[in-house]
């Protein structure tokens, strides 16, 4: 049996964290949760995840600032940003800072799962390309 995909959910809304965590676990994901950006960064120092699902608007360290710090720790870790507010300028900013995707809350679970899988495929392609941008030789 394949190892479960490890997802870190980061959101300041406890009900969202609890319900989304349960749904993803039922679908076979290994899920960690963090109630904010600082907690997420601390968790990432000690635990390995395959993908981060990160809320855009949080008190303290918001999603963009958290994303920037994640990129400094791990340039290839896929980060999917979620927002409850349709804001194309923020979506563009998130992508410029290295987010692999941007979804509006409440994102349908099937769509989120699809985006998690596609973000891992994207990461695998980047890893195969290596640091020079081409295939490792």
Foldseek 3Di string as FASTA:
>chain_A
DDQAAEEEEEALDVVCCVVLCVVVVVVRHHYHYYNHLVRVVVCVVPDDGQEYEAEQDDPDQGPLNSLLVVCVVPVLRAYEYEYQDDDVVVQVSSVVSPHPYYYYPPDPSVVVVVSSVVSSVVSVVVVQCPPVNHGDD
